[in-house]
C-alpha cells in the first residue's frame, strides 16, 4: 500500500470514527429526551409546600415544553437571568432527563442535587417564584422561574456582594447579575466537562482571525459569547451598561464573506441570525467560553 493510499485510508478511518461518535452522541440525547418526556407523562403534582406560588399544572407543562423544545427557554424582557438561561438551554440539549429529575425534586422537596452540587434556595426566593409579572412569556413559565431563581440564589460573584439576599424585584438588578468567572463556574458545575475561556468583564476580546477561531471551537463543543447587549437588541439598560457586557448567548454558527460576518446564536428564547462587520464584532465581544467535549 503506497503512502497516498495509506493517507487516504487514515483520513477515511478518522472520518468514520468522528461520524460514529457524533451519531452515538445524538442517539443518547434523543434517548434521554424520550425518557424525560415519559417521566413527565407519568408524573402528577399537587401544590407544593415549598413553592407556594408555583402552579403545579403550569410547572409540569413548562417542563414538558422545555424538554421538547429547549430553544424556547425564555429569560424575560428585563431580568438579569440571561446567563442562567444559557446554562439551562445547554443542560436541556444535553441532559433533558437529568434536568427534569432535578426540577421535580426541587419542586417536591424544596432542594435538589445535580452533578453532586446541592441547591437549596432560600425562603424569599421560593416565595417569589411563580409571581413574576410584566416579563412576557416568563410570567406563565413557572418552572423557568424556579430554575432561574434557584441558580441566581446559589451562585455568587463579585457583582452580587452588595446584594447577596433576595428582595422583591432584585432579579432586575445586581442580585441576579452574572460576571464571566461566575458564568464559567456554573457551566463547569452543570455541564460536567472542561470549560475554557478568554476575555474579561471590562476588557474586549482581542484575537486575530476571530471568526476562524470561533469556527474551530464550535467543532469541539459548545461556544458561549459574553456581549455588550445594547448593540444586539434594545433593552432597558442605563448609560453605564451601554459600555459594558450585559448578556450571554450560545453561538450556533459563524461565517465571513466579503467583510460581512454572519452569526447564528441562541439568545434566551430565540434563535437569531445577524450580520455585522468585524468592527462591530470587536466592539460587542468581551468574553468567549467554550467546552471541549469532542477532542
C-alpha atoms as a PDB file:
ATOM      1  CA  UNK A   1       0.000   0.000   0.000  1.00  0.00           C
ATOM      2  CA  UNK A   2       1.554   3.318  -1.123  1.00  0.00           C
ATOM      3  CA  UNK A   3       1.827   6.428   1.023  1.00  0.00           C
ATOM      4  CA  UNK A   4      -1.080   8.274  -0.705  1.00  0.00           C
ATOM      5  CA  UNK A   5      -3.296   5.226  -0.279  1.00  0.00           C
ATOM      6  CA  UNK A   6      -2.374   4.898   3.391  1.00  0.00           C
ATOM      7  CA  UNK A   7      -3.104   8.594   3.946  1.00  0.00           C
ATOM      8  CA  UNK A   8      -6.488   8.236   2.278  1.00  0.00           C
ATOM      9  CA  UNK A   9      -7.241   5.175   4.404  1.00  0.00           C
ATOM     10  CA  UNK A  10      -6.319   7.036   7.604  1.00  0.00           C
ATOM     11  CA  UNK A  11      -8.489  10.024   6.636  1.00  0.00           C
ATOM     12  CA  UNK A  12     -11.467   7.790   5.912  1.00  0.00           C
ATOM     13  CA  UNK A  13     -10.968   5.918   9.182  1.00  0.00           C
ATOM     14  CA  UNK A  14     -10.840   9.164  11.196  1.00  0.00           C
ATOM     15  CA  UNK A  15     -13.946  10.482   9.467  1.00  0.00           C
ATOM     16  CA  UNK A  16     -15.872   7.272  10.142  1.00  0.00           C
ATOM     17  CA  UNK A  17     -14.870   7.349  13.801  1.00  0.00           C
ATOM     18  CA  UNK A  18     -15.943  11.003  14.095  1.00  0.00           C
ATOM     19  CA  UNK A  19     -19.272  10.294  12.363  1.00  0.00           C
ATOM     20  CA  UNK A  20     -19.916   7.265  14.570  1.00  0.00           C
ATOM     21  CA  UNK A  21     -19.172   9.276  17.717  1.00  0.00           C
ATOM     22  CA  UNK A  22     -21.476  12.106  16.609  1.00  0.00           C
ATOM     23  CA  UNK A  23     -24.249   9.647  15.761  1.00  0.00           C
ATOM     24  CA  UNK A  24     -23.896   7.896  19.122  1.00  0.00           C
ATOM     25  CA  UNK A  25     -23.987  11.233  20.974  1.00  0.00           C
ATOM     26  CA  UNK A  26     -27.096  12.297  19.058  1.00  0.00           C
ATOM     27  CA  UNK A  27     -28.770   8.973  19.809  1.00  0.00           C
ATOM     28  CA  UNK A  28     -28.038   9.264  23.527  1.00  0.00           C
ATOM     29  CA  UNK A  29     -29.534  12.773  23.643  1.00  0.00           C
ATOM     30  CA  UNK A  30     -32.658  11.556  21.840  1.00  0.00           C
ATOM     31  CA  UNK A  31     -32.995   8.651  24.258  1.00  0.00           C
ATOM     32  CA  UNK A  32     -32.672  10.992  27.258  1.00  0.00           C
ATOM     33  CA  UNK A  33     -35.326  13.252  25.765  1.00  0.00           C
ATOM     34  CA  UNK A  34     -37.718  10.328  25.344  1.00  0.00           C
ATOM     35  CA  UNK A  35     -37.072   9.223  28.925  1.00  0.00           C
ATOM     36  CA  UNK A  36     -37.636  12.762  30.200  1.00  0.00           C
ATOM     37  CA  UNK A  37     -40.984  13.036  28.411  1.00  0.00           C
ATOM     38  CA  UNK A  38     -42.029   9.573  29.611  1.00  0.00           C
ATOM     39  CA  UNK A  39     -41.240  10.582  33.199  1.00  0.00           C
ATOM     40  CA  UNK A  40     -43.274  13.775  32.862  1.00  0.00           C
ATOM     41  CA  UNK A  41     -46.221  11.932  31.308  1.00  0.00           C
ATOM     42  CA  UNK A  42     -46.459   9.639  34.325  1.00  0.00           C
ATOM     43  CA  UNK A  43     -45.970  12.408  36.898  1.00  0.00           C
ATOM     44  CA  UNK A  44     -48.738  14.228  38.735  1.00  0.00           C
ATOM     45  CA  UNK A  45     -48.056  17.078  41.129  1.00  0.00           C
ATOM     46  CA  UNK A  46     -50.037  18.664  43.925  1.00  0.00           C
ATOM     47  CA  UNK A  47     -49.493  22.118  45.392  1.00  0.00           C
ATOM     48  CA  UNK A  48     -46.023  22.439  46.895  1.00  0.00           C
ATOM     49  CA  UNK A  49     -45.450  23.495  50.484  1.00  0.00           C
ATOM     50  CA  UNK A  50     -42.065  24.870  49.405  1.00  0.00           C
ATOM     51  CA  UNK A  51     -43.113  26.818  46.296  1.00  0.00           C
ATOM     52  CA  UNK A  52     -46.430  28.234  47.420  1.00  0.00           C
ATOM     53  CA  UNK A  53     -46.988  30.464  44.380  1.00  0.00           C
ATOM     54  CA  UNK A  54     -45.984  27.926  41.734  1.00  0.00           C
ATOM     55  CA  UNK A  55     -48.881  26.351  39.859  1.00  0.00           C
ATOM     56  CA  UNK A  56     -48.270  22.570  39.559  1.00  0.00           C
ATOM     57  CA  UNK A  57     -50.046  22.302  36.195  1.00  0.00           C
ATOM     58  CA  UNK A  58     -48.099  25.217  34.719  1.00  0.00           C
ATOM     59  CA  UNK A  59     -44.900  23.814  36.210  1.00  0.00           C
ATOM     60  CA  UNK A  60     -45.349  20.426  34.516  1.00  0.00           C
ATOM     61  CA  UNK A  61     -46.435  21.970  31.218  1.00  0.00           C
ATOM     62  CA  UNK A  62     -43.366  24.219  31.269  1.00  0.00           C
ATOM     63  CA  UNK A  63     -41.050  21.258  31.926  1.00  0.00           C
ATOM     64  CA  UNK A  64     -42.579  19.304  29.055  1.00  0.00           C
ATOM     65  CA  UNK A  65     -42.250  22.227  26.653  1.00  0.00           C
ATOM     66  CA  UNK A  66     -38.618  22.718  27.689  1.00  0.00           C
ATOM     67  CA  UNK A  67     -37.782  19.039  27.188  1.00  0.00           C
ATOM     68  CA  UNK A  68     -39.435  19.036  23.772  1.00  0.00           C
ATOM     69  CA  UNK A  69     -38.132  22.398  22.564  1.00  0.00           C
ATOM     70  CA  UNK A  70     -35.229  23.849  24.596  1.00  0.00           C
ATOM     71  CA  UNK A  71     -34.964  26.753  22.153  1.00  0.00           C
ATOM     72  CA  UNK A  72     -37.981  28.430  23.784  1.00  0.00           C
ATOM     73  CA  UNK A  73     -36.426  28.734  27.260  1.00  0.00           C
ATOM     74  CA  UNK A  74     -37.106  32.419  27.926  1.00  0.00           C
ATOM     75  CA  UNK A  75     -35.336  34.694  30.418  1.00  0.00           C
ATOM     76  CA  UNK A  76     -37.823  37.589  30.443  1.00  0.00           C
ATOM     77  CA  UNK A  77     -37.721  41.101  28.978  1.00  0.00           C
ATOM     78  CA  UNK A  78     -35.637  42.967  31.545  1.00  0.00           C
ATOM     79  CA  UNK A  79     -34.344  40.443  34.077  1.00  0.00           C
ATOM     80  CA  UNK A  80     -30.688  39.556  34.577  1.00  0.00           C
ATOM     81  CA  UNK A  81     -31.462  35.867  34.032  1.00  0.00           C
ATOM     82  CA  UNK A  82     -29.786  35.508  30.607  1.00  0.00           C
ATOM     83  CA  UNK A  83     -26.697  33.722  31.968  1.00  0.00           C
ATOM     84  CA  UNK A  84     -28.851  31.157  33.774  1.00  0.00           C
ATOM     85  CA  UNK A  85     -30.951  30.721  30.636  1.00  0.00           C
ATOM     86  CA  UNK A  86     -27.837  29.939  28.573  1.00  0.00           C
ATOM     87  CA  UNK A  87     -26.822  27.282  31.111  1.00  0.00           C
ATOM     88  CA  UNK A  88     -30.360  25.874  31.136  1.00  0.00           C
ATOM     89  CA  UNK A  89     -30.521  25.726  27.347  1.00  0.00           C
ATOM     90  CA  UNK A  90     -27.349  23.628  27.103  1.00  0.00           C
ATOM     91  CA  UNK A  91     -28.480  21.445  30.013  1.00  0.00           C
ATOM     92  CA  UNK A  92     -31.758  20.754  28.194  1.00  0.00           C
ATOM     93  CA  UNK A  93     -29.918  19.996  24.965  1.00  0.00           C
ATOM     94  CA  UNK A  94     -27.501  17.545  26.575  1.00  0.00           C
ATOM     95  CA  UNK A  95     -29.276  16.084  29.602  1.00  0.00           C
ATOM     96  CA  UNK A  96     -33.058  16.640  29.478  1.00  0.00           C
ATOM     97  CA  UNK A  97     -33.683  13.666  31.761  1.00  0.00           C
ATOM     98  CA  UNK A  98     -31.284  14.965  34.404  1.00  0.00           C
ATOM     99  CA  UNK A  99     -32.879  18.415  34.130  1.00  0.00           C
ATOM    100  CA  UNK A 100     -36.403  17.023  34.611  1.00  0.00           C
ATOM    101  CA  UNK A 101     -35.376  14.859  37.573  1.00  0.00           C
ATOM    102  CA  UNK A 102     -33.601  17.826  39.165  1.00  0.00           C
ATOM    103  CA  UNK A 103     -36.599  20.121  38.713  1.00  0.00           C
ATOM    104  CA  UNK A 104     -39.120  17.587  40.036  1.00  0.00           C
ATOM    105  CA  UNK A 105     -37.007  17.015  43.152  1.00  0.00           C
ATOM    106  CA  UNK A 106     -36.624  20.758  43.595  1.00  0.00           C
ATOM    107  CA  UNK A 107     -40.405  21.213  43.422  1.00  0.00           C
ATOM    108  CA  UNK A 108     -41.233  18.314  45.746  1.00  0.00           C
ATOM    109  CA  UNK A 109     -38.525  18.808  48.369  1.00  0.00           C
ATOM    110  CA  UNK A 110     -37.502  22.466  48.130  1.00  0.00           C
ATOM    111  CA  UNK A 111     -33.946  21.384  47.359  1.00  0.00           C
ATOM    112  CA  UNK A 112     -32.202  19.084  44.892  1.00  0.00           C
ATOM    113  CA  UNK A 113     -28.816  17.823  43.753  1.00  0.00           C
ATOM    114  CA  UNK A 114     -27.423  17.917  40.236  1.00  0.00           C
ATOM    115  CA  UNK A 115     -23.941  16.646  39.362  1.00  0.00           C
ATOM    116  CA  UNK A 116     -23.060  16.359  43.070  1.00  0.00           C
ATOM    117  CA  UNK A 117     -23.952  20.017  43.735  1.00  0.00           C
ATOM    118  CA  UNK A 118     -26.748  20.631  46.247  1.00  0.00           C
ATOM    119  CA  UNK A 119     -29.117  23.517  45.565  1.00  0.00           C
ATOM    120  CA  UNK A 120     -31.259  24.785  48.436  1.00  0.00           C
ATOM    121  CA  UNK A 121     -32.946  28.097  47.540  1.00  0.00           C
ATOM    122  CA  UNK A 122     -33.878  30.441  50.361  1.00  0.00           C
ATOM    123  CA  UNK A 123     -37.421  31.064  51.554  1.00  0.00           C
ATOM    124  CA  UNK A 124     -37.537  34.522  49.938  1.00  0.00           C
ATOM    125  CA  UNK A 125     -36.729  33.018  46.546  1.00  0.00           C
ATOM    126  CA  UNK A 126     -39.206  30.158  46.937  1.00  0.00           C
ATOM    127  CA  UNK A 127     -41.924  32.632  47.883  1.00  0.00           C
ATOM    128  CA  UNK A 128     -41.305  34.798  44.806  1.00  0.00           C
ATOM    129  CA  UNK A 129     -41.113  32.119  42.096  1.00  0.00           C
ATOM    130  CA  UNK A 130     -44.418  31.972  40.267  1.00  0.00           C
ATOM    131  CA  UNK A 131     -45.254  35.649  40.861  1.00  0.00           C
ATOM    132  CA  UNK A 132     -43.184  37.336  38.124  1.00  0.00           C
ATOM    133  CA  UNK A 133     -45.218  39.848  36.095  1.00  0.00           C
ATOM    134  CA  UNK A 134     -44.649  42.018  33.015  1.00  0.00           C
ATOM    135  CA  UNK A 135     -41.774  39.848  31.731  1.00  0.00           C
ATOM    136  CA  UNK A 136     -43.574  38.396  28.726  1.00  0.00           C
ATOM    137  CA  UNK A 137     -43.811  34.622  28.453  1.00  0.00           C
ATOM    138  CA  UNK A 138     -41.760  34.184  31.637  1.00  0.00           C
ATOM    139  CA  UNK A 139     -44.893  35.255  33.554  1.00  0.00           C
ATOM    140  CA  UNK A 140     -46.507  31.893  32.697  1.00  0.00           C
ATOM    141  CA  UNK A 141     -43.384  29.712  32.844  1.00  0.00           C
ATOM    142  CA  UNK A 142     -43.325  28.701  36.487  1.00  0.00           C
ATOM    143  CA  UNK A 143     -40.604  26.054  36.044  1.00  0.00           C
ATOM    144  CA  UNK A 144     -38.288  28.570  34.385  1.00  0.00           C
ATOM    145  CA  UNK A 145     -38.821  30.977  37.272  1.00  0.00           C
ATOM    146  CA  UNK A 146     -37.930  28.219  39.745  1.00  0.00           C
ATOM    147  CA  UNK A 147     -34.790  27.304  37.772  1.00  0.00           C
ATOM    148  CA  UNK A 148     -33.537  30.869  37.280  1.00  0.00           C
ATOM    149  CA  UNK A 149     -34.180  31.938  40.873  1.00  0.00           C
ATOM    150  CA  UNK A 150     -32.510  28.785  42.214  1.00  0.00           C
ATOM    151  CA  UNK A 151     -29.318  29.310  40.211  1.00  0.00           C
ATOM    152  CA  UNK A 152     -29.207  33.035  40.985  1.00  0.00           C
ATOM    153  CA  UNK A 153     -29.610  32.294  44.688  1.00  0.00           C
ATOM    154  CA  UNK A 154     -26.890  29.620  44.671  1.00  0.00           C
ATOM    155  CA  UNK A 155     -24.104  31.113  42.545  1.00  0.00           C
ATOM    156  CA  UNK A 156     -22.449  34.347  43.633  1.00  0.00           C
ATOM    157  CA  UNK A 157     -19.780  36.572  42.113  1.00  0.00           C
ATOM    158  CA  UNK A 158     -18.299  39.936  42.982  1.00  0.00           C
ATOM    159  CA  UNK A 159     -21.211  41.728  41.284  1.00  0.00           C
ATOM    160  CA  UNK A 160     -23.560  40.207  43.868  1.00  0.00           C
ATOM    161  CA  UNK A 161     -21.598  41.095  47.014  1.00  0.00           C
ATOM    162  CA  UNK A 162     -23.761  44.087  47.969  1.00  0.00           C
ATOM    163  CA  UNK A 163     -26.981  42.238  47.146  1.00  0.00           C
ATOM    164  CA  UNK A 164     -26.486  38.710  48.459  1.00  0.00           C
ATOM    165  CA  UNK A 165     -30.007  38.309  49.828  1.00  0.00           C
ATOM    166  CA  UNK A 166     -33.064  38.409  47.626  1.00  0.00           C
ATOM    167  CA  UNK A 167     -35.635  41.191  47.938  1.00  0.00           C
ATOM    168  CA  UNK A 168     -38.549  41.914  45.654  1.00  0.00           C
ATOM    169  CA  UNK A 169     -37.565  42.829  42.057  1.00  0.00           C
ATOM    170  CA  UNK A 170     -33.867  42.133  42.594  1.00  0.00           C
ATOM    171  CA  UNK A 171     -33.950  39.815  39.586  1.00  0.00           C
ATOM    172  CA  UNK A 172     -33.801  43.075  37.602  1.00  0.00           C
ATOM    173  CA  UNK A 173     -30.579  44.226  39.258  1.00  0.00           C
ATOM    174  CA  UNK A 174     -27.235  43.150  40.682  1.00  0.00           C
ATOM    175  CA  UNK A 175     -28.621  40.294  42.803  1.00  0.00           C
ATOM    176  CA  UNK A 176     -29.065  38.265  39.607  1.00  0.00           C
ATOM    177  CA  UNK A 177     -26.097  39.669  37.662  1.00  0.00           C
ATOM    178  CA  UNK A 178     -23.530  37.213  36.297  1.00  0.00           C
ATOM    179  CA  UNK A 179     -19.898  38.131  35.738  1.00  0.00           C
ATOM    180  CA  UNK A 180     -17.753  35.980  33.444  1.00  0.00           C
ATOM    181  CA  UNK A 181     -15.988  33.860  36.068  1.00  0.00           C
ATOM    182  CA  UNK A 182     -19.285  33.099  37.802  1.00  0.00           C
ATOM    183  CA  UNK A 183     -20.779  32.063  34.462  1.00  0.00           C
ATOM    184  CA  UNK A 184     -17.880  29.669  33.869  1.00  0.00           C
ATOM    185  CA  UNK A 185     -18.319  28.149  37.334  1.00  0.00           C
ATOM    186  CA  UNK A 186     -21.957  27.434  36.515  1.00  0.00           C
ATOM    187  CA  UNK A 187     -21.019  25.871  33.189  1.00  0.00           C
ATOM    188  CA  UNK A 188     -18.431  23.587  34.789  1.00  0.00           C
ATOM    189  CA  UNK A 189     -20.851  22.508  37.516  1.00  0.00           C
ATOM    190  CA  UNK A 190     -23.842  21.861  35.273  1.00  0.00           C
ATOM    191  CA  UNK A 191     -22.138  20.594  32.095  1.00  0.00           C
ATOM    192  CA  UNK A 192     -19.593  18.373  33.898  1.00  0.00           C
ATOM    193  CA  UNK A 193     -16.958  18.977  31.262  1.00  0.00           C
ATOM    194  CA  UNK A 194     -13.857  21.062  30.666  1.00  0.00           C
ATOM    195  CA  UNK A 195     -14.641  24.737  30.098  1.00  0.00           C
ATOM    196  CA  UNK A 196     -12.071  27.157  28.709  1.00  0.00           C
ATOM    197  CA  UNK A 197     -12.392  30.908  28.466  1.00  0.00           C
ATOM    198  CA  UNK A 198     -10.774  34.051  27.130  1.00  0.00           C
ATOM    199  CA  UNK A 199     -11.893  37.568  27.984  1.00  0.00           C
ATOM    200  CA  UNK A 200     -12.676  39.826  30.925  1.00  0.00           C
ATOM    201  CA  UNK A 201     -15.640  41.674  32.362  1.00  0.00           C
ATOM    202  CA  UNK A 202     -14.408  45.115  31.322  1.00  0.00           C
ATOM    203  CA  UNK A 203     -11.916  44.435  28.513  1.00  0.00           C
ATOM    204  CA  UNK A 204     -12.931  43.440  24.999  1.00  0.00           C
ATOM    205  CA  UNK A 205     -11.570  40.278  23.411  1.00  0.00           C
ATOM    206  CA  UNK A 206      -8.609  40.957  21.147  1.00  0.00           C
ATOM    207  CA  UNK A 207      -7.806  37.969  18.977  1.00  0.00           C
ATOM    208  CA  UNK A 208      -6.520  37.628  15.444  1.00  0.00           C
ATOM    209  CA  UNK A 209      -8.572  35.554  13.000  1.00  0.00           C
ATOM    210  CA  UNK A 210     -11.516  35.651  15.410  1.00  0.00           C
ATOM    211  CA  UNK A 211     -14.044  34.084  13.029  1.00  0.00           C
ATOM    212  CA  UNK A 212     -11.739  31.159  12.231  1.00  0.00           C
ATOM    213  CA  UNK A 213     -11.057  30.653  15.935  1.00  0.00           C
ATOM    214  CA  UNK A 214     -14.767  30.537  16.783  1.00  0.00           C
ATOM    215  CA  UNK A 215     -15.452  28.106  13.950  1.00  0.00           C
ATOM    216  CA  UNK A 216     -12.791  25.741  15.304  1.00  0.00           C
ATOM    217  CA  UNK A 217     -14.213  25.958  18.829  1.00  0.00           C
ATOM    218  CA  UNK A 218     -17.668  25.024  17.517  1.00  0.00           C
ATOM    219  CA  UNK A 219     -16.197  21.800  16.120  1.00  0.00           C
ATOM    220  CA  UNK A 220     -15.179  20.677  19.612  1.00  0.00           C
ATOM    221  CA  UNK A 221     -18.176  21.664  21.714  1.00  0.00           C
ATOM    222  CA  UNK A 222     -20.474  24.490  22.752  1.00  0.00           C
ATOM    223  CA  UNK A 223     -19.485  28.151  22.488  1.00  0.00           C
ATOM    224  CA  UNK A 224     -20.853  30.985  24.632  1.00  0.00           C
ATOM    225  CA  UNK A 225     -20.350  34.684  23.929  1.00  0.00           C
ATOM    226  CA  UNK A 226     -20.313  37.414  26.596  1.00  0.00           C
ATOM    227  CA  UNK A 227     -21.593  40.534  24.877  1.00  0.00           C
ATOM    228  CA  UNK A 228     -22.458  44.182  25.086  1.00  0.00           C
ATOM    229  CA  UNK A 229     -26.157  43.571  24.619  1.00  0.00           C
ATOM    230  CA  UNK A 230     -27.062  47.144  23.636  1.00  0.00           C
ATOM    231  CA  UNK A 231     -25.525  46.530  20.203  1.00  0.00           C
ATOM    232  CA  UNK A 232     -27.581  43.389  19.514  1.00  0.00           C
ATOM    233  CA  UNK A 233     -31.011  44.268  20.866  1.00  0.00           C
ATOM    234  CA  UNK A 234     -32.658  47.040  22.813  1.00  0.00           C
ATOM    235  CA  UNK A 235     -33.270  46.606  26.487  1.00  0.00           C
ATOM    236  CA  UNK A 236     -33.775  48.917  29.452  1.00  0.00           C
ATOM    237  CA  UNK A 237     -30.046  49.400  30.071  1.00  0.00           C
ATOM    238  CA  UNK A 238     -28.793  52.669  31.528  1.00  0.00           C
ATOM    239  CA  UNK A 239     -25.960  54.717  30.006  1.00  0.00           C
ATOM    240  CA  UNK A 240     -23.283  52.942  32.047  1.00  0.00           C
ATOM    241  CA  UNK A 241     -24.444  49.493  30.973  1.00  0.00           C
ATOM    242  CA  UNK A 242     -24.286  50.512  27.323  1.00  0.00           C
ATOM    243  CA  UNK A 243     -20.491  50.389  27.587  1.00  0.00           C
ATOM    244  CA  UNK A 244     -20.083  47.088  29.454  1.00  0.00           C
ATOM    245  CA  UNK A 245     -21.060  43.463  28.753  1.00  0.00           C
ATOM    246  CA  UNK A 246     -24.526  42.536  29.958  1.00  0.00           C
ATOM    247  CA  UNK A 247     -25.544  39.432  28.059  1.00  0.00           C
ATOM    248  CA  UNK A 248     -24.752  35.791  27.265  1.00  0.00           C
ATOM    249  CA  UNK A 249     -25.698  33.963  24.072  1.00  0.00           C
ATOM    250  CA  UNK A 250     -24.978  30.484  22.707  1.00  0.00           C
ATOM    251  CA  UNK A 251     -23.199  30.620  19.358  1.00  0.00           C
ATOM    252  CA  UNK A 252     -24.574  28.160  16.789  1.00  0.00           C
ATOM    253  CA  UNK A 253     -22.613  29.144  13.663  1.00  0.00           C
ATOM    254  CA  UNK A 254     -20.412  31.915  12.289  1.00  0.00           C
ATOM    255  CA  UNK A 255     -19.025  32.681   8.832  1.00  0.00           C
ATOM    256  CA  UNK A 256     -17.455  35.595   6.967  1.00  0.00           C
ATOM    257  CA  UNK A 257     -17.732  36.662   3.334  1.00  0.00           C
ATOM    258  CA  UNK A 258     -16.596  39.933   1.778  1.00  0.00           C
ATOM    259  CA  UNK A 259     -16.123  41.521   5.190  1.00  0.00           C
ATOM    260  CA  UNK A 260     -19.634  40.618   6.384  1.00  0.00           C
ATOM    261  CA  UNK A 261     -19.829  38.293   9.391  1.00  0.00           C
ATOM    262  CA  UNK A 262     -22.962  36.160   9.707  1.00  0.00           C
ATOM    263  CA  UNK A 263     -23.796  34.962  13.215  1.00  0.00           C
ATOM    264  CA  UNK A 264     -26.456  32.495  14.267  1.00  0.00           C
ATOM    265  CA  UNK A 265     -26.942  32.357  18.019  1.00  0.00           C
ATOM    266  CA  UNK A 266     -29.439  31.316  20.667  1.00  0.00           C
ATOM    267  CA  UNK A 267     -30.487  34.288  22.767  1.00  0.00           C
ATOM    268  CA  UNK A 268     -32.667  33.484  25.803  1.00  0.00           C
ATOM    269  CA  UNK A 269     -35.721  32.216  23.943  1.00  0.00           C
ATOM    270  CA  UNK A 270     -34.895  32.962  20.328  1.00  0.00           C
ATOM    271  CA  UNK A 271     -32.540  31.735  17.622  1.00  0.00           C
ATOM    272  CA  UNK A 272     -31.285  34.783  15.744  1.00  0.00           C
ATOM    273  CA  UNK A 273     -29.333  35.315  12.529  1.00  0.00           C
ATOM    274  CA  UNK A 274     -27.438  38.603  12.470  1.00  0.00           C
ATOM    275  CA  UNK A 275     -24.968  40.151  10.028  1.00  0.00           C
ATOM    276  CA  UNK A 276     -22.333  42.570  11.311  1.00  0.00           C
ATOM    277  CA  UNK A 277     -18.862  43.750  10.333  1.00  0.00           C
ATOM    278  CA  UNK A 278     -15.581  42.996  12.083  1.00  0.00           C
ATOM    279  CA  UNK A 279     -15.550  46.341  13.890  1.00  0.00           C
ATOM    280  CA  UNK A 280     -18.970  45.692  15.408  1.00  0.00           C
ATOM    281  CA  UNK A 281     -17.977  42.182  16.491  1.00  0.00           C
ATOM    282  CA  UNK A 282     -14.828  43.510  18.154  1.00  0.00           C
ATOM    283  CA  UNK A 283     -16.891  46.188  19.887  1.00  0.00           C
ATOM    284  CA  UNK A 284     -19.519  43.885  21.374  1.00  0.00           C
ATOM    285  CA  UNK A 285     -17.420  40.846  22.383  1.00  0.00           C
ATOM    286  CA  UNK A 286     -15.974  40.726  25.912  1.00  0.00           C
ATOM    287  CA  UNK A 287     -15.700  37.004  26.580  1.00  0.00           C
ATOM    288  CA  UNK A 288     -15.706  33.590  24.926  1.00  0.00           C
ATOM    289  CA  UNK A 289     -16.333  30.398  26.898  1.00  0.00           C
ATOM    290  CA  UNK A 290     -16.312  27.002  25.255  1.00  0.00           C
ATOM    291  CA  UNK A 291     -16.472  23.322  26.127  1.00  0.00           C
ATOM    292  CA  UNK A 292     -14.015  20.778  24.769  1.00  0.00           C
ATOM    293  CA  UNK A 293     -16.165  17.652  24.705  1.00  0.00           C
ATOM    294  CA  UNK A 294     -15.193  16.367  21.246  1.00  0.00           C
ATOM    295  CA  UNK A 295     -11.397  16.235  21.060  1.00  0.00           C
END
